[in-house]
N, C-alpha and C. Protein backbone atom coordinates (compact mmCIF):
# COMPACT_ATOMS: atom_id res chain seq x y z
N MET A 1 20.91 -28.41 16.19
CA MET A 1 20.72 -27.15 15.47
C MET A 1 19.25 -26.79 15.41
N LYS A 2 18.45 -27.75 14.97
CA LYS A 2 17.02 -27.48 14.83
C LYS A 2 16.39 -27.14 16.17
N LEU A 3 16.82 -27.85 17.22
CA LEU A 3 16.26 -27.60 18.55
C LEU A 3 16.52 -26.18 19.01
N ILE A 4 17.75 -25.72 18.80
CA ILE A 4 18.11 -24.35 19.19
C ILE A 4 17.18 -23.38 18.48
N LEU A 5 16.99 -23.59 17.18
CA LEU A 5 16.14 -22.70 16.39
C LEU A 5 14.71 -22.75 16.87
N ARG A 6 14.23 -23.94 17.17
CA ARG A 6 12.84 -24.07 17.64
C ARG A 6 12.65 -23.28 18.94
N GLU A 7 13.63 -23.41 19.85
CA GLU A 7 13.54 -22.68 21.12
C GLU A 7 13.51 -21.18 20.86
N LEU A 8 14.37 -20.72 19.95
CA LEU A 8 14.41 -19.30 19.61
C LEU A 8 13.10 -18.85 18.96
N LEU A 9 12.53 -19.75 18.17
CA LEU A 9 11.27 -19.42 17.50
C LEU A 9 10.18 -19.12 18.52
N GLU A 10 10.21 -19.86 19.63
CA GLU A 10 9.21 -19.64 20.66
C GLU A 10 9.35 -18.25 21.27
N THR A 11 10.59 -17.78 21.43
CA THR A 11 10.79 -16.45 22.02
C THR A 11 10.56 -15.36 20.98
N SER A 12 11.35 -15.37 19.91
CA SER A 12 11.09 -14.40 18.85
C SER A 12 11.68 -14.87 17.54
N LYS A 13 10.96 -14.61 16.48
CA LYS A 13 11.37 -15.09 15.16
C LYS A 13 12.56 -14.29 14.63
N THR A 14 12.61 -13.00 14.93
CA THR A 14 13.71 -12.19 14.43
C THR A 14 15.03 -12.65 15.03
N LYS A 15 15.00 -13.00 16.32
CA LYS A 15 16.23 -13.49 16.96
C LYS A 15 16.71 -14.75 16.26
N ALA A 16 15.78 -15.64 15.99
CA ALA A 16 16.15 -16.90 15.34
C ALA A 16 16.78 -16.63 13.98
N LEU A 17 16.18 -15.70 13.23
CA LEU A 17 16.73 -15.38 11.91
C LEU A 17 18.12 -14.78 12.04
N ASN A 18 18.29 -13.88 13.02
CA ASN A 18 19.61 -13.27 13.21
C ASN A 18 20.65 -14.29 13.59
N VAL A 19 20.25 -15.26 14.41
CA VAL A 19 21.18 -16.32 14.79
C VAL A 19 21.58 -17.11 13.56
N LEU A 20 20.61 -17.39 12.71
CA LEU A 20 20.91 -18.15 11.50
C LEU A 20 21.83 -17.37 10.58
N LYS A 21 21.59 -16.08 10.45
CA LYS A 21 22.39 -15.28 9.54
C LYS A 21 23.79 -15.04 10.09
N GLY A 22 23.96 -15.24 11.39
CA GLY A 22 25.25 -14.92 11.99
C GLY A 22 25.37 -13.41 12.01
N ARG A 23 26.55 -12.88 11.75
CA ARG A 23 26.69 -11.44 11.65
C ARG A 23 26.05 -10.99 10.34
N ARG A 24 25.60 -9.77 10.31
CA ARG A 24 24.83 -9.33 9.15
C ARG A 24 25.69 -8.91 7.96
N LYS A 25 26.77 -9.63 7.72
CA LYS A 25 27.59 -9.36 6.54
C LYS A 25 26.88 -9.95 5.35
N LYS A 26 27.07 -9.32 4.21
CA LYS A 26 26.44 -9.85 3.00
C LYS A 26 27.29 -10.99 2.48
N ARG A 27 26.89 -12.17 2.83
CA ARG A 27 27.62 -13.36 2.38
C ARG A 27 26.75 -14.13 1.42
N LYS A 28 27.41 -14.95 0.64
CA LYS A 28 26.67 -15.80 -0.29
C LYS A 28 25.80 -16.78 0.49
N TYR A 29 26.34 -17.27 1.60
CA TYR A 29 25.63 -18.28 2.37
C TYR A 29 25.19 -17.74 3.72
N LYS A 30 24.67 -16.52 3.77
CA LYS A 30 24.37 -15.96 5.09
C LYS A 30 23.30 -16.77 5.83
N LYS A 31 22.42 -17.43 5.06
CA LYS A 31 21.40 -18.27 5.71
C LYS A 31 22.05 -19.42 6.47
N TYR A 32 23.18 -19.86 5.93
CA TYR A 32 23.82 -21.04 6.52
C TYR A 32 25.02 -20.67 7.37
N ALA A 33 25.11 -19.40 7.78
CA ALA A 33 26.30 -18.94 8.51
C ALA A 33 26.60 -19.85 9.69
N ILE A 34 25.57 -20.14 10.46
CA ILE A 34 25.77 -20.97 11.65
C ILE A 34 26.18 -22.38 11.26
N CYS A 35 25.56 -22.91 10.21
CA CYS A 35 25.89 -24.26 9.78
C CYS A 35 27.34 -24.34 9.36
N LYS A 36 27.78 -23.31 8.61
CA LYS A 36 29.17 -23.32 8.14
C LYS A 36 30.12 -23.20 9.33
N LYS A 37 29.74 -22.35 10.29
CA LYS A 37 30.60 -22.11 11.44
C LYS A 37 30.90 -23.43 12.16
N TYR A 38 29.88 -24.26 12.29
CA TYR A 38 30.06 -25.52 13.02
C TYR A 38 30.28 -26.71 12.09
N ASN A 39 30.52 -26.42 10.81
CA ASN A 39 30.79 -27.46 9.81
C ASN A 39 29.75 -28.57 9.79
N TYR A 40 28.50 -28.18 9.66
CA TYR A 40 27.44 -29.18 9.56
C TYR A 40 27.46 -29.82 8.18
N GLU A 41 26.87 -31.00 8.11
CA GLU A 41 26.78 -31.68 6.83
C GLU A 41 25.75 -30.98 5.95
N SER A 42 25.78 -31.28 4.66
CA SER A 42 24.91 -30.56 3.72
C SER A 42 23.42 -30.82 4.01
N HIS A 43 23.08 -32.04 4.44
CA HIS A 43 21.66 -32.32 4.71
C HIS A 43 21.17 -31.49 5.90
N GLU A 44 22.07 -31.27 6.88
CA GLU A 44 21.70 -30.44 8.01
C GLU A 44 21.53 -29.00 7.56
N ARG A 45 22.34 -28.60 6.58
CA ARG A 45 22.20 -27.26 6.02
C ARG A 45 20.84 -27.10 5.37
N ARG A 46 20.41 -28.15 4.69
CA ARG A 46 19.10 -28.12 4.03
C ARG A 46 18.00 -27.95 5.08
N GLU A 47 18.16 -28.66 6.20
CA GLU A 47 17.18 -28.54 7.29
C GLU A 47 17.15 -27.11 7.81
N CYS A 48 18.33 -26.50 7.92
CA CYS A 48 18.41 -25.11 8.36
C CYS A 48 17.62 -24.23 7.41
N LYS A 49 17.78 -24.48 6.13
CA LYS A 49 17.10 -23.67 5.13
C LYS A 49 15.59 -23.79 5.31
N GLN A 50 15.13 -25.02 5.58
CA GLN A 50 13.69 -25.23 5.81
C GLN A 50 13.22 -24.41 7.00
N VAL A 51 14.01 -24.43 8.07
CA VAL A 51 13.64 -23.68 9.26
C VAL A 51 13.59 -22.19 8.95
N VAL A 52 14.58 -21.72 8.17
CA VAL A 52 14.60 -20.30 7.79
C VAL A 52 13.32 -19.97 7.05
N ASN A 53 12.95 -20.82 6.11
CA ASN A 53 11.74 -20.56 5.33
C ASN A 53 10.51 -20.56 6.22
N GLU A 54 10.47 -21.47 7.20
CA GLU A 54 9.36 -21.49 8.14
C GLU A 54 9.29 -20.18 8.91
N ILE A 55 10.46 -19.74 9.39
CA ILE A 55 10.51 -18.50 10.17
C ILE A 55 10.02 -17.35 9.31
N LYS A 56 10.52 -17.28 8.08
CA LYS A 56 10.15 -16.18 7.19
C LYS A 56 8.65 -16.21 6.93
N GLY A 57 8.12 -17.41 6.72
CA GLY A 57 6.68 -17.55 6.48
C GLY A 57 5.89 -17.03 7.67
N CYS A 58 6.32 -17.43 8.88
CA CYS A 58 5.65 -16.98 10.10
C CYS A 58 5.70 -15.47 10.20
N ASN A 59 6.88 -14.90 9.90
CA ASN A 59 7.04 -13.46 9.98
C ASN A 59 6.08 -12.75 9.03
N ARG A 60 5.98 -13.27 7.82
CA ARG A 60 5.11 -12.64 6.83
C ARG A 60 3.67 -12.68 7.30
N ARG A 61 3.25 -13.86 7.76
CA ARG A 61 1.86 -14.01 8.21
C ARG A 61 1.59 -13.10 9.41
N LYS A 62 2.51 -13.16 10.36
CA LYS A 62 2.32 -12.40 11.60
C LYS A 62 2.28 -10.91 11.34
N SER A 63 3.22 -10.43 10.52
CA SER A 63 3.35 -8.99 10.34
C SER A 63 2.03 -8.41 9.81
N GLY A 64 1.39 -9.10 8.87
CA GLY A 64 0.12 -8.62 8.33
C GLY A 64 -0.94 -8.56 9.41
N GLU A 65 -1.04 -9.64 10.18
CA GLU A 65 -2.05 -9.70 11.24
C GLU A 65 -1.79 -8.64 12.30
N GLU A 66 -0.53 -8.49 12.69
CA GLU A 66 -0.18 -7.52 13.74
C GLU A 66 -0.52 -6.11 13.28
N LYS A 67 -0.25 -5.79 12.02
CA LYS A 67 -0.55 -4.47 11.50
C LYS A 67 -2.04 -4.19 11.61
N GLU A 68 -2.85 -5.18 11.21
CA GLU A 68 -4.31 -5.02 11.28
C GLU A 68 -4.74 -4.75 12.71
N VAL A 69 -4.19 -5.51 13.65
CA VAL A 69 -4.54 -5.36 15.06
C VAL A 69 -4.16 -3.96 15.53
N GLU A 70 -2.93 -3.52 15.17
CA GLU A 70 -2.47 -2.18 15.58
C GLU A 70 -3.40 -1.10 15.05
N ILE A 71 -3.79 -1.22 13.79
CA ILE A 71 -4.68 -0.22 13.18
C ILE A 71 -6.00 -0.19 13.93
N ARG A 72 -6.53 -1.37 14.23
CA ARG A 72 -7.79 -1.44 14.98
C ARG A 72 -7.65 -0.78 16.34
N MET A 73 -6.51 -1.06 17.02
CA MET A 73 -6.28 -0.49 18.34
C MET A 73 -6.26 1.04 18.26
N GLU A 74 -5.55 1.56 17.25
CA GLU A 74 -5.47 3.01 17.07
C GLU A 74 -6.86 3.60 16.84
N GLU A 75 -7.66 2.94 16.01
CA GLU A 75 -9.01 3.43 15.73
C GLU A 75 -9.85 3.44 17.00
N ASP A 76 -9.74 2.38 17.80
CA ASP A 76 -10.47 2.30 19.07
C ASP A 76 -10.07 3.43 20.00
N GLU A 77 -8.75 3.70 20.07
CA GLU A 77 -8.27 4.79 20.93
C GLU A 77 -8.82 6.13 20.48
N ARG A 78 -8.83 6.35 19.16
CA ARG A 78 -9.36 7.61 18.62
C ARG A 78 -10.82 7.77 19.00
N ARG A 79 -11.58 6.69 18.84
CA ARG A 79 -13.01 6.74 19.17
C ARG A 79 -13.22 7.08 20.63
N LYS A 80 -12.43 6.43 21.50
CA LYS A 80 -12.54 6.69 22.94
C LYS A 80 -12.25 8.15 23.25
N LYS A 81 -11.19 8.70 22.61
CA LYS A 81 -10.83 10.11 22.84
C LYS A 81 -11.95 11.03 22.39
N MET A 82 -12.52 10.72 21.23
CA MET A 82 -13.60 11.56 20.69
C MET A 82 -14.80 11.53 21.63
N LYS A 83 -15.12 10.34 22.13
CA LYS A 83 -16.24 10.20 23.06
C LYS A 83 -15.98 11.00 24.33
N ALA A 84 -14.75 10.90 24.84
CA ALA A 84 -14.38 11.62 26.06
C ALA A 84 -14.50 13.12 25.85
N LYS A 85 -14.05 13.61 24.72
CA LYS A 85 -14.15 15.04 24.42
C LYS A 85 -15.60 15.49 24.33
N GLY A 86 -16.41 14.66 23.71
CA GLY A 86 -17.83 14.99 23.53
C GLY A 86 -18.58 15.08 24.85
N ARG A 87 -18.21 14.24 25.81
CA ARG A 87 -18.94 14.18 27.09
C ARG A 87 -18.60 15.35 28.00
N THR A 88 -17.35 15.83 27.96
CA THR A 88 -16.95 16.91 28.89
C THR A 88 -17.35 18.28 28.38
């Protein structure tokens, strides 16, 4: 279970979260949807929860950084356009 999640984490964190949640039905145990589907033991469920928390943490950290980068990129593009307009 953990290996599958780790591989998914390398590709994309949202995919990994979606896999963990299973279908996006509002369930009491949606975090453990996959664990329940395959009847994992409770300790394995706990490990899943840890992985979910890791993924969520990564998402939170990344999203902030990515937003900053995007804003910087937009500002750089604006500056370039302004410079181009000024020169012609």
